Amino acid sequence: MLSHALYPKVFEDFKAFQSEFGDVSVLDTRSFLVGMQVGQEIEVSLEDGKTLVILLVSVSPPDPISGMVTVFFELNGAPRQVQVHDDSLATSQSLRSKADSSVEGSIGAPMPGVVVNVSVRKGDAVEPGSPLVTLNGMKMEMTVVSPVKGIVTMVEVETGHEVEAGDLLVEVRQLGVSQDA
């Protein structure tokens, strides 16, 4: 109660951390702060008579797209594995804005893929059906076309960018339609 009264933000962050990761107070300080090294074995005492012996066997290379690594370890001699996100990696993909489905001129990727061609630039006039961006994904190529007549106000992607379904590709301001909403 006192922690919450004196440091409400710190207390809320602590409770959120505890909710996500559980009680980590059973870990020794070095393992908690630095992590384990391959081949290292630690003992974690949960309570009197309940001790876990954890041996870190190996860690796979990170998946370049998801940033996930597979951690292989032994728990009391039994082999286990778990996939975790490696936050220490600098992701090559930045988080992209999502298209707003309630706005006709906000055009998103219909599928995950790689941008192989961008047919428009900011300021270009487009008609319904005008090609905007060509994507290649799952061994098929798809050209994303404009659903509206208007002026291109923003192009969010370049050739070579990887996109997920729903990522914003292009914004088109419809001619004769107010964008003040």
Protein backbone atom coordinates (compact mmCIF):
# COMPACT_ATOMS: atom_id res chain seq x y z
CA MET A 1 0.00 0.00 0.00
CA LEU A 2 2.80 2.37 0.91
CA SER A 3 4.69 1.64 -2.33
CA HIS A 4 1.60 2.48 -4.35
CA ALA A 5 1.00 5.69 -2.40
CA LEU A 6 4.61 6.90 -2.73
CA TYR A 7 5.49 5.63 -6.21
CA PRO A 8 2.27 4.83 -8.11
CA LYS A 9 3.89 4.51 -11.60
CA VAL A 10 6.73 2.30 -10.33
CA PHE A 11 4.24 0.14 -8.44
CA GLU A 12 1.98 -0.22 -11.51
CA ASP A 13 4.99 -1.18 -13.68
CA PHE A 14 6.07 -3.75 -11.06
CA LYS A 15 2.57 -5.30 -10.93
CA ALA A 16 2.41 -5.47 -14.74
CA PHE A 17 5.85 -7.13 -14.84
CA GLN A 18 4.82 -9.58 -12.11
CA SER A 19 1.59 -10.34 -13.97
CA GLU A 20 3.49 -11.14 -17.19
CA PHE A 21 6.51 -13.00 -15.76
CA GLY A 22 5.37 -14.20 -12.34
CA ASP A 23 7.46 -14.15 -9.19
CA VAL A 24 11.08 -13.75 -10.31
CA SER A 25 12.32 -13.15 -6.77
CA VAL A 26 13.35 -16.83 -6.63
CA LEU A 27 16.11 -16.15 -9.21
CA ASP A 28 19.56 -15.07 -8.12
CA THR A 29 20.40 -11.49 -9.05
CA ARG A 30 23.03 -12.32 -11.73
CA SER A 31 20.72 -14.75 -13.57
CA PHE A 32 17.89 -12.23 -13.47
CA LEU A 33 19.94 -9.25 -14.67
CA VAL A 34 22.42 -10.87 -17.08
CA GLY A 35 20.83 -14.19 -18.02
CA MET A 36 22.43 -17.59 -18.21
CA GLN A 37 25.33 -18.69 -20.41
CA VAL A 38 25.20 -21.89 -22.48
CA GLY A 39 26.39 -24.75 -20.29
CA GLN A 40 25.56 -22.91 -17.06
CA GLU A 41 23.50 -24.69 -14.42
CA ILE A 42 21.57 -22.91 -11.67
CA GLU A 43 19.41 -24.04 -8.79
CA VAL A 44 16.15 -22.25 -8.08
CA SER A 45 14.55 -22.86 -4.70
CA LEU A 46 10.79 -22.36 -4.92
CA GLU A 47 10.17 -23.28 -1.28
CA ASP A 48 11.59 -25.67 1.31
CA GLY A 49 12.02 -29.05 -0.39
CA LYS A 50 11.24 -27.79 -3.91
CA THR A 51 14.38 -26.96 -5.87
CA LEU A 52 14.65 -26.79 -9.66
CA VAL A 53 17.93 -27.53 -11.40
CA ILE A 54 18.11 -25.68 -14.73
CA LEU A 55 20.86 -26.30 -17.30
CA LEU A 56 20.97 -24.06 -20.39
CA VAL A 57 21.89 -26.39 -23.27
CA SER A 58 21.74 -24.05 -26.29
CA VAL A 59 20.01 -21.12 -27.93
CA SER A 60 19.12 -21.20 -31.63
CA PRO A 61 20.00 -18.33 -33.97
CA PRO A 62 17.17 -15.79 -34.18
CA ASP A 63 14.55 -16.08 -36.87
CA PRO A 64 15.21 -13.01 -39.08
CA ILE A 65 11.53 -12.23 -39.58
CA SER A 66 9.99 -12.86 -36.16
CA GLY A 67 13.06 -12.32 -33.96
CA MET A 68 12.18 -15.51 -32.04
CA VAL A 69 14.85 -17.84 -30.67
CA THR A 70 14.42 -21.38 -29.40
CA VAL A 71 15.96 -21.95 -25.97
CA PHE A 72 16.93 -25.57 -25.24
CA PHE A 73 17.38 -26.41 -21.56
CA GLU A 74 17.10 -29.22 -19.05
CA LEU A 75 14.74 -28.90 -16.11
CA ASN A 76 15.68 -31.41 -13.38
CA GLY A 77 17.33 -33.51 -16.11
CA ALA A 78 14.35 -33.51 -18.50
CA PRO A 79 14.98 -31.82 -21.88
CA ARG A 80 12.71 -28.87 -22.64
CA GLN A 81 12.51 -26.09 -25.21
CA VAL A 82 10.67 -22.80 -25.42
CA GLN A 83 10.47 -20.02 -28.01
CA VAL A 84 11.05 -16.48 -26.82
CA HIS A 85 11.41 -13.09 -28.49
CA ASP A 86 14.99 -11.82 -28.43
CA ASP A 87 14.61 -8.15 -27.46
CA SER A 88 18.35 -7.53 -27.81
CA LEU A 89 18.12 -7.85 -31.59
CA ALA A 90 17.75 -4.74 -33.68
CA THR A 91 14.83 -5.58 -35.89
CA SER A 92 15.33 -4.86 -39.54
CA GLN A 93 11.63 -4.25 -39.92
CA SER A 94 10.14 -1.21 -38.36
CA LEU A 95 6.57 -1.29 -37.20
CA ARG A 96 4.41 -0.04 -40.01
CA SER A 97 1.23 1.97 -39.82
CA LYS A 98 -1.93 0.06 -40.56
CA ALA A 99 -4.41 1.09 -43.20
CA ASP A 100 -7.64 2.60 -41.89
CA SER A 101 -10.39 0.41 -43.32
CA SER A 102 -12.97 3.15 -42.69
CA VAL A 103 -11.18 5.48 -45.15
CA GLU A 104 -11.43 4.47 -48.82
CA GLY A 105 -8.16 6.20 -49.74
CA SER A 106 -6.15 4.41 -47.04
CA ILE A 107 -4.82 1.45 -49.01
CA GLY A 108 -3.28 -1.49 -47.18
CA ALA A 109 -1.49 -4.67 -48.15
CA PRO A 110 -3.98 -7.45 -48.87
CA MET A 111 -1.37 -10.11 -47.97
CA PRO A 112 2.08 -10.36 -46.43
CA GLY A 113 4.90 -10.03 -48.92
CA VAL A 114 7.76 -8.02 -50.37
CA VAL A 115 7.24 -4.83 -52.38
CA VAL A 116 8.61 -5.46 -55.88
CA ASN A 117 7.39 -2.28 -57.57
CA VAL A 118 5.97 1.09 -56.55
CA SER A 119 4.09 2.65 -59.48
CA VAL A 120 3.14 6.02 -57.93
CA ARG A 121 4.73 8.98 -56.14
CA LYS A 122 3.32 11.63 -53.85
CA GLY A 123 1.28 14.11 -55.90
CA ASP A 124 0.35 11.66 -58.69
CA ALA A 125 -3.26 11.64 -59.86
CA VAL A 126 -4.86 8.19 -59.88
CA GLU A 127 -8.10 6.72 -61.20
CA PRO A 128 -9.96 3.70 -59.83
CA GLY A 129 -7.97 0.65 -60.97
CA SER A 130 -4.66 2.52 -61.34
CA PRO A 131 -1.76 0.30 -60.23
CA LEU A 132 -0.11 1.53 -57.02
CA VAL A 133 2.16 -1.17 -55.61
CA THR A 134 3.11 -4.69 -56.68
CA LEU A 135 3.67 -7.29 -53.94
CA ASN A 136 5.27 -10.72 -54.13
CA GLY A 137 4.30 -13.20 -51.47
CA MET A 138 3.89 -16.94 -51.21
CA LYS A 139 5.13 -17.41 -54.80
CA MET A 140 2.48 -15.15 -56.28
CA GLU A 141 2.53 -11.57 -57.43
CA MET A 142 -0.30 -9.13 -56.79
CA THR A 143 -0.79 -5.58 -57.99
CA VAL A 144 -2.62 -3.36 -55.51
CA VAL A 145 -4.81 -0.85 -57.36
CA SER A 146 -6.48 2.37 -56.33
CA PRO A 147 -10.11 1.97 -55.28
CA VAL A 148 -10.76 5.71 -55.73
CA LYS A 149 -10.08 8.70 -57.97
CA GLY A 150 -7.75 11.15 -56.29
CA ILE A 151 -4.25 12.44 -55.54
CA VAL A 152 -1.56 10.34 -53.84
CA THR A 153 -0.76 12.09 -50.55
CA MET A 154 1.63 9.53 -49.10
CA VAL A 155 3.62 6.47 -50.21
CA GLU A 156 4.68 4.45 -47.18
CA VAL A 157 6.76 1.74 -48.89
CA GLU A 158 9.71 1.32 -51.23
CA THR A 159 10.88 -1.57 -53.38
CA GLY A 160 12.29 -4.31 -51.15
CA HIS A 161 10.23 -3.49 -48.05
CA GLU A 162 8.55 -6.41 -46.31
CA VAL A 163 4.93 -5.81 -45.35
CA GLU A 164 2.28 -7.65 -43.37
CA ALA A 165 -1.38 -7.89 -44.30
CA GLY A 166 -3.11 -4.61 -43.46
CA ASP A 167 0.07 -2.50 -43.46
CA LEU A 168 -0.46 0.94 -45.02
CA LEU A 169 0.98 1.14 -48.53
CA VAL A 170 -0.44 4.35 -50.04
CA GLU A 171 -2.86 7.09 -49.07
CA VAL A 172 -5.01 8.74 -51.71
CA ARG A 173 -7.02 11.89 -51.06
CA GLN A 174 -10.26 11.51 -52.92
CA LEU A 175 -11.16 14.37 -55.21
CA GLY A 176 -14.25 16.21 -53.99
CA VAL A 177 -14.20 14.55 -50.56
CA SER A 178 -13.29 16.47 -47.39
CA GLN A 179 -10.63 14.83 -45.19
CA ASP A 180 -11.59 16.88 -42.10
CA ALA A 181 -13.00 14.26 -39.78
